[in-house]
N, C-alpha and C. Protein backbone atom coordinates (compact mmCIF):
# COMPACT_ATOMS: atom_id res chain seq x y z
N MET A 1 -17.67 -224.87 -150.10
CA MET A 1 -16.18 -224.31 -150.42
C MET A 1 -15.63 -224.11 -149.21
N GLY A 2 -14.41 -224.37 -149.06
CA GLY A 2 -13.52 -224.20 -147.92
C GLY A 2 -12.96 -222.80 -147.67
N PHE A 3 -12.22 -222.74 -146.79
CA PHE A 3 -11.56 -221.33 -146.28
C PHE A 3 -10.44 -221.14 -147.40
N LEU A 4 -9.90 -222.04 -147.74
CA LEU A 4 -8.58 -221.76 -148.69
C LEU A 4 -9.30 -221.86 -149.86
N ASP A 5 -10.28 -221.83 -150.56
CA ASP A 5 -10.98 -221.85 -151.94
C ASP A 5 -11.55 -220.66 -152.00
N ARG A 6 -12.22 -220.03 -150.85
CA ARG A 6 -12.41 -218.58 -150.84
C ARG A 6 -11.36 -217.58 -150.72
N LEU A 7 -10.42 -217.93 -150.13
CA LEU A 7 -8.82 -217.34 -149.86
C LEU A 7 -8.46 -217.20 -151.49
N PHE A 8 -8.37 -218.34 -151.97
CA PHE A 8 -7.57 -218.40 -153.17
C PHE A 8 -8.40 -219.12 -154.42
N PRO A 9 -9.43 -218.15 -154.97
CA PRO A 9 -10.19 -218.93 -155.79
C PRO A 9 -9.82 -219.49 -157.22
N ASN A 10 -8.53 -218.94 -157.66
CA ASN A 10 -7.87 -219.26 -158.97
C ASN A 10 -6.88 -220.43 -158.58
N LEU A 11 -6.66 -220.74 -157.47
CA LEU A 11 -5.38 -221.59 -157.00
C LEU A 11 -6.07 -223.12 -157.82
N GLY A 12 -5.00 -223.74 -158.46
CA GLY A 12 -5.21 -224.84 -159.09
C GLY A 12 -5.96 -224.92 -160.31
N LYS A 13 -6.37 -223.88 -160.68
CA LYS A 13 -7.11 -223.65 -162.07
C LYS A 13 -5.99 -223.45 -163.19
N SER A 14 -6.25 -224.04 -164.20
CA SER A 14 -5.22 -223.76 -165.14
C SER A 14 -5.58 -222.69 -165.93
N SER A 15 -4.56 -221.95 -166.42
CA SER A 15 -4.68 -220.77 -167.08
C SER A 15 -4.50 -221.20 -168.61
N ALA A 16 -4.76 -219.98 -169.78
CA ALA A 16 -5.19 -220.64 -171.00
C ALA A 16 -3.85 -221.38 -171.50
N LYS A 17 -4.35 -222.31 -172.43
CA LYS A 17 -3.29 -223.35 -172.86
C LYS A 17 -2.68 -223.00 -174.00
N GLY A 18 -1.40 -222.77 -174.19
CA GLY A 18 -0.84 -222.51 -175.71
C GLY A 18 -0.63 -223.56 -176.43
N LYS A 19 -0.58 -223.27 -177.65
CA LYS A 19 -0.36 -224.29 -178.93
C LYS A 19 1.19 -224.09 -179.19
N SER A 20 1.91 -225.30 -179.28
CA SER A 20 3.19 -225.65 -179.30
C SER A 20 3.64 -225.36 -181.04
N GLY A 21 4.69 -225.17 -181.15
CA GLY A 21 5.27 -225.12 -182.62
C GLY A 21 5.20 -224.04 -183.35
N TYR A 22 4.82 -222.80 -182.43
CA TYR A 22 4.50 -221.59 -183.04
C TYR A 22 5.72 -220.75 -182.70
N THR A 23 6.48 -221.06 -181.59
CA THR A 23 7.62 -220.28 -181.02
C THR A 23 8.82 -221.33 -181.11
N ARG A 24 9.93 -220.82 -180.72
CA ARG A 24 11.03 -221.27 -180.78
C ARG A 24 12.07 -220.53 -179.76
N ILE A 25 12.66 -221.27 -178.61
CA ILE A 25 13.28 -220.58 -177.69
C ILE A 25 14.84 -220.56 -178.04
N GLU A 26 15.55 -219.43 -178.05
CA GLU A 26 16.89 -219.11 -178.46
C GLU A 26 17.62 -218.60 -177.38
N GLY A 27 18.36 -219.37 -176.65
CA GLY A 27 19.45 -219.04 -175.65
C GLY A 27 18.50 -218.90 -174.27
N GLN A 28 18.98 -217.92 -173.48
CA GLN A 28 18.37 -217.45 -172.16
C GLN A 28 17.35 -216.52 -172.41
N HIS A 29 17.21 -215.59 -173.23
CA HIS A 29 16.31 -214.60 -173.65
C HIS A 29 15.97 -214.26 -174.99
N GLY A 30 16.15 -215.26 -175.63
CA GLY A 30 15.47 -215.16 -177.25
C GLY A 30 14.27 -215.94 -177.33
N LEU A 31 13.21 -215.31 -178.07
CA LEU A 31 12.08 -216.17 -178.23
C LEU A 31 11.81 -215.81 -180.05
N TRP A 32 11.57 -216.84 -180.73
CA TRP A 32 11.25 -216.67 -182.12
C TRP A 32 9.72 -216.89 -182.47
N PHE A 33 9.07 -216.29 -183.42
CA PHE A 33 7.80 -216.55 -184.10
C PHE A 33 7.82 -216.34 -185.25
N TYR A 34 6.69 -216.83 -186.14
CA TYR A 34 6.94 -216.75 -187.42
C TYR A 34 5.70 -216.30 -187.98
N VAL A 35 5.68 -215.40 -189.03
CA VAL A 35 4.48 -214.93 -189.63
C VAL A 35 4.67 -215.04 -191.29
N GLN A 36 3.61 -214.89 -192.01
CA GLN A 36 3.57 -215.01 -193.43
C GLN A 36 2.78 -213.70 -194.03
N CYS A 37 3.42 -212.95 -195.03
CA CYS A 37 2.76 -211.77 -195.38
C CYS A 37 1.68 -212.22 -196.26
N ASP A 38 0.24 -211.43 -196.19
CA ASP A 38 -0.79 -211.76 -197.20
C ASP A 38 -0.65 -211.37 -198.57
N ARG A 39 0.06 -210.11 -198.70
CA ARG A 39 0.04 -209.76 -199.96
C ARG A 39 1.14 -210.40 -200.68
N CYS A 40 2.48 -211.03 -200.53
CA CYS A 40 3.42 -211.15 -201.44
C CYS A 40 3.75 -212.89 -200.82
N GLY A 41 3.49 -213.22 -199.86
CA GLY A 41 3.53 -214.57 -199.29
C GLY A 41 4.97 -214.94 -198.46
N GLU A 42 5.59 -214.03 -198.36
CA GLU A 42 6.95 -213.95 -197.61
C GLU A 42 6.76 -214.45 -196.46
N LYS A 43 7.56 -215.31 -195.92
CA LYS A 43 7.68 -216.01 -194.62
C LYS A 43 8.81 -215.31 -193.78
N ILE A 44 8.36 -214.71 -192.75
CA ILE A 44 9.28 -213.72 -191.87
C ILE A 44 9.52 -214.50 -190.45
N ALA A 45 10.78 -214.41 -190.06
CA ALA A 45 11.13 -214.91 -188.62
C ALA A 45 11.17 -213.58 -187.89
N VAL A 46 10.59 -213.67 -186.63
CA VAL A 46 10.72 -212.23 -185.81
C VAL A 46 11.32 -212.92 -184.42
N ARG A 47 12.29 -212.11 -184.10
CA ARG A 47 12.84 -212.55 -182.80
C ARG A 47 12.77 -211.63 -181.85
N LEU A 48 12.45 -212.03 -180.49
CA LEU A 48 11.85 -211.02 -179.45
C LEU A 48 12.97 -211.12 -178.36
N ARG A 49 13.02 -210.54 -177.50
CA ARG A 49 13.93 -210.51 -175.97
C ARG A 49 12.76 -210.73 -175.11
N THR A 50 12.90 -211.73 -174.42
CA THR A 50 11.86 -211.69 -173.38
C THR A 50 12.15 -211.11 -172.20
N THR A 51 13.25 -210.35 -171.85
CA THR A 51 13.53 -209.75 -170.84
C THR A 51 12.97 -208.13 -171.34
N SER A 52 12.94 -207.76 -172.58
CA SER A 52 12.27 -206.28 -172.74
C SER A 52 11.35 -206.14 -173.61
N GLU A 53 11.09 -206.94 -174.69
CA GLU A 53 10.10 -206.77 -175.57
C GLU A 53 8.55 -207.33 -175.10
N ILE A 54 8.70 -208.42 -174.42
CA ILE A 54 7.36 -209.17 -174.07
C ILE A 54 6.93 -208.56 -172.69
N GLN A 55 5.70 -207.96 -172.73
CA GLN A 55 5.07 -207.74 -171.47
C GLN A 55 4.25 -208.56 -170.71
N ARG A 56 4.28 -208.67 -169.37
CA ARG A 56 3.76 -209.61 -168.51
C ARG A 56 2.26 -208.61 -168.30
N ARG A 57 1.17 -209.79 -168.32
CA ARG A 57 -0.10 -208.98 -167.73
C ARG A 57 -0.25 -209.30 -166.19
N GLU A 58 -0.45 -208.00 -166.04
CA GLU A 58 -0.43 -207.84 -164.29
C GLU A 58 -1.10 -206.58 -163.90
N GLY A 59 -1.57 -206.80 -162.62
CA GLY A 59 -2.36 -205.46 -162.24
C GLY A 59 -3.74 -205.38 -162.89
N PRO A 60 -4.24 -204.26 -163.20
CA PRO A 60 -5.39 -203.90 -163.66
C PRO A 60 -5.55 -204.56 -165.15
N ASP A 61 -4.55 -204.71 -165.73
CA ASP A 61 -4.75 -205.24 -167.25
C ASP A 61 -4.48 -206.85 -167.51
N LYS A 62 -4.27 -207.59 -166.20
CA LYS A 62 -4.29 -208.79 -166.21
C LYS A 62 -5.47 -209.85 -166.90
N ASP A 63 -6.51 -209.17 -166.82
CA ASP A 63 -7.80 -209.82 -167.34
C ASP A 63 -8.13 -209.39 -168.84
N GLU A 64 -7.44 -208.41 -169.29
CA GLU A 64 -7.58 -207.95 -170.70
C GLU A 64 -7.32 -208.99 -171.86
N GLY A 65 -6.57 -210.03 -171.51
CA GLY A 65 -6.14 -211.14 -172.72
C GLY A 65 -6.15 -212.40 -172.07
N PRO A 66 -6.03 -213.39 -173.02
CA PRO A 66 -5.85 -214.75 -172.51
C PRO A 66 -4.44 -215.04 -171.93
N GLY A 67 -3.60 -214.47 -172.26
CA GLY A 67 -2.08 -214.94 -171.99
C GLY A 67 -1.56 -214.27 -171.08
N GLN A 68 -0.51 -214.98 -170.40
CA GLN A 68 0.23 -214.35 -169.13
C GLN A 68 1.03 -213.22 -169.61
N PHE A 69 1.64 -213.23 -170.88
CA PHE A 69 2.61 -212.68 -171.75
C PHE A 69 2.07 -211.92 -173.11
N PHE A 70 2.25 -210.86 -173.32
CA PHE A 70 1.91 -210.42 -174.76
C PHE A 70 3.05 -209.49 -175.33
N VAL A 71 2.96 -209.58 -176.78
CA VAL A 71 3.67 -208.60 -177.41
C VAL A 71 2.81 -207.92 -178.55
N ARG A 72 3.10 -206.52 -178.65
CA ARG A 72 2.51 -205.80 -179.97
C ARG A 72 3.79 -205.58 -180.93
N LYS A 73 3.96 -205.84 -181.99
CA LYS A 73 4.93 -205.56 -182.99
C LYS A 73 4.41 -205.28 -184.41
N THR A 74 5.15 -204.30 -184.92
CA THR A 74 4.95 -204.08 -186.41
C THR A 74 6.12 -204.81 -187.09
N ILE A 75 5.86 -205.73 -188.29
CA ILE A 75 6.91 -206.18 -188.79
C ILE A 75 6.85 -205.98 -190.46
N VAL A 76 7.87 -205.73 -190.97
CA VAL A 76 8.00 -205.55 -192.40
C VAL A 76 8.91 -206.60 -193.09
N GLY A 77 8.52 -206.91 -194.06
CA GLY A 77 9.72 -207.92 -194.77
C GLY A 77 10.55 -207.45 -195.59
N SER A 78 11.25 -208.18 -196.36
CA SER A 78 12.22 -207.63 -197.54
C SER A 78 11.79 -207.55 -198.90
N GLN A 79 10.64 -208.22 -199.06
CA GLN A 79 10.16 -208.33 -200.66
C GLN A 79 9.05 -207.31 -200.68
N CYS A 80 7.99 -206.94 -200.00
CA CYS A 80 7.09 -205.85 -200.62
C CYS A 80 6.83 -204.77 -199.63
N TYR A 81 7.35 -204.74 -198.55
CA TYR A 81 7.29 -203.80 -197.48
C TYR A 81 5.95 -203.57 -196.97
N GLN A 82 4.87 -204.48 -197.10
CA GLN A 82 3.65 -204.53 -196.21
C GLN A 82 4.04 -204.45 -194.69
N ARG A 83 3.35 -203.59 -194.12
CA ARG A 83 3.46 -203.41 -192.46
C ARG A 83 2.25 -204.70 -192.20
N ILE A 84 3.12 -205.46 -191.42
CA ILE A 84 2.04 -206.39 -190.71
C ILE A 84 2.06 -206.32 -189.14
N GLU A 85 0.91 -205.99 -188.63
CA GLU A 85 0.71 -205.47 -187.13
C GLU A 85 0.26 -206.80 -186.69
N ALA A 86 0.94 -207.07 -185.26
CA ALA A 86 0.94 -208.59 -184.66
C ALA A 86 0.70 -208.20 -183.05
N THR A 87 -0.26 -208.88 -182.67
CA THR A 87 -0.48 -208.88 -181.19
C THR A 87 -0.60 -210.25 -180.90
N VAL A 88 0.38 -210.83 -180.27
CA VAL A 88 0.31 -212.30 -179.86
C VAL A 88 0.52 -212.26 -178.32
N ASP A 89 -0.32 -213.47 -177.83
CA ASP A 89 -0.64 -213.66 -176.39
C ASP A 89 0.32 -214.83 -176.29
N PHE A 90 1.05 -215.24 -175.08
CA PHE A 90 1.90 -216.39 -174.57
C PHE A 90 1.48 -216.79 -173.40
N ASP A 91 1.67 -217.94 -173.15
CA ASP A 91 1.48 -218.83 -171.92
C ASP A 91 2.68 -218.57 -171.26
N ALA A 92 2.96 -219.09 -170.05
CA ALA A 92 4.12 -218.96 -169.18
C ALA A 92 5.29 -219.70 -169.79
N LYS A 93 5.26 -220.56 -170.45
CA LYS A 93 6.14 -221.11 -171.31
C LYS A 93 6.33 -220.79 -172.75
N TYR A 94 5.97 -219.50 -172.95
CA TYR A 94 5.96 -218.82 -174.24
C TYR A 94 5.36 -219.38 -175.40
N ASN A 95 4.44 -220.48 -175.10
CA ASN A 95 3.71 -220.84 -176.54
C ASN A 95 2.53 -220.08 -177.00
N VAL A 96 2.31 -219.95 -177.95
CA VAL A 96 1.13 -218.95 -178.56
C VAL A 96 -0.29 -219.27 -177.84
N VAL A 97 -0.98 -218.55 -177.38
CA VAL A 97 -2.19 -218.68 -176.87
C VAL A 97 -3.24 -218.44 -177.84
N GLU A 98 -2.97 -217.03 -178.23
CA GLU A 98 -3.95 -216.31 -179.03
C GLU A 98 -3.06 -215.34 -179.95
N ALA A 99 -3.26 -215.42 -181.20
CA ALA A 99 -2.42 -214.19 -182.23
C ALA A 99 -3.57 -213.43 -183.31
N ASP A 100 -3.31 -212.17 -183.14
CA ASP A 100 -4.21 -211.29 -183.96
C ASP A 100 -3.15 -210.75 -184.88
N ILE A 101 -3.06 -211.01 -186.21
CA ILE A 101 -2.08 -210.70 -187.12
C ILE A 101 -2.91 -210.04 -188.19
N ASP A 102 -2.54 -208.78 -188.54
CA ASP A 102 -3.43 -207.80 -189.67
C ASP A 102 -2.20 -207.94 -190.79
N HIS A 103 -2.63 -208.18 -191.91
CA HIS A 103 -2.03 -208.28 -193.22
C HIS A 103 -0.87 -209.46 -193.11
N GLY A 104 -1.54 -210.45 -192.38
CA GLY A 104 -0.58 -211.66 -192.63
C GLY A 104 -1.12 -212.86 -191.65
N LYS A 105 -0.26 -213.91 -191.46
CA LYS A 105 -0.91 -214.99 -190.44
C LYS A 105 0.36 -215.59 -189.97
N LEU A 106 -0.10 -216.12 -188.74
CA LEU A 106 0.98 -216.75 -187.84
C LEU A 106 1.21 -217.95 -188.71
N ILE A 107 2.50 -218.60 -188.84
CA ILE A 107 2.74 -219.86 -189.10
C ILE A 107 3.86 -220.58 -188.13
N THR A 108 3.67 -222.21 -188.23
CA THR A 108 4.73 -222.96 -187.37
C THR A 108 6.18 -222.49 -187.81
N TYR A 109 6.91 -223.06 -187.07
CA TYR A 109 8.44 -223.04 -187.25
C TYR A 109 8.70 -224.27 -188.25
N GLN A 110 7.95 -224.98 -188.61
CA GLN A 110 8.03 -226.44 -189.56
C GLN A 110 7.69 -225.81 -190.73
N GLU A 111 6.49 -224.81 -191.00
CA GLU A 111 6.23 -224.10 -192.17
C GLU A 111 7.33 -223.06 -192.61
N TYR A 112 7.91 -222.45 -191.68
CA TYR A 112 8.88 -221.53 -191.91
C TYR A 112 10.28 -222.27 -192.55
N GLN A 113 10.75 -223.30 -191.77
CA GLN A 113 11.63 -224.21 -192.45
C GLN A 113 11.45 -224.67 -193.66
N LYS A 114 10.22 -225.07 -194.12
CA LYS A 114 10.17 -225.54 -195.44
C LYS A 114 10.50 -224.51 -196.43
N GLU A 115 10.01 -223.38 -196.19
CA GLU A 115 9.97 -222.05 -197.06
C GLU A 115 11.72 -221.88 -197.23
N THR A 116 12.55 -221.83 -196.27
CA THR A 116 13.82 -221.80 -196.17
C THR A 116 14.66 -223.10 -196.77
N SER A 117 14.37 -223.92 -196.84
CA SER A 117 14.98 -225.22 -197.32
C SER A 117 14.49 -225.35 -198.71
N ASP A 118 13.68 -224.84 -199.12
CA ASP A 118 13.41 -225.01 -200.55
C ASP A 118 14.33 -224.02 -201.55
N ARG A 119 14.84 -223.00 -200.95
CA ARG A 119 15.79 -221.97 -201.45
C ARG A 119 16.99 -222.55 -202.17
């Protein structure tokens, strides 16, 4: 182990790799992800502002999750009003690394588009 390896132990090691297709970037500060309600099956698009709603993992909290960014969000659809609690971790490119969705599930943009084009 060289001097630089001891000084910067994580240099060159990749962080958690995100799954593409679950988010869509809109403009400079918009990020969309999509969930489906377990109760009624409604597919819901959720828009986040990358400047205010998404939190960066840093300081003492940086090892508490797999992603570089995260958000906790309560989502309510228009059909059955079931509260969907979502905690989503993102990598540096805002791809989903891990998602914990209570009363629903994370779906891809293509799955969401299929629902909206069938109407």
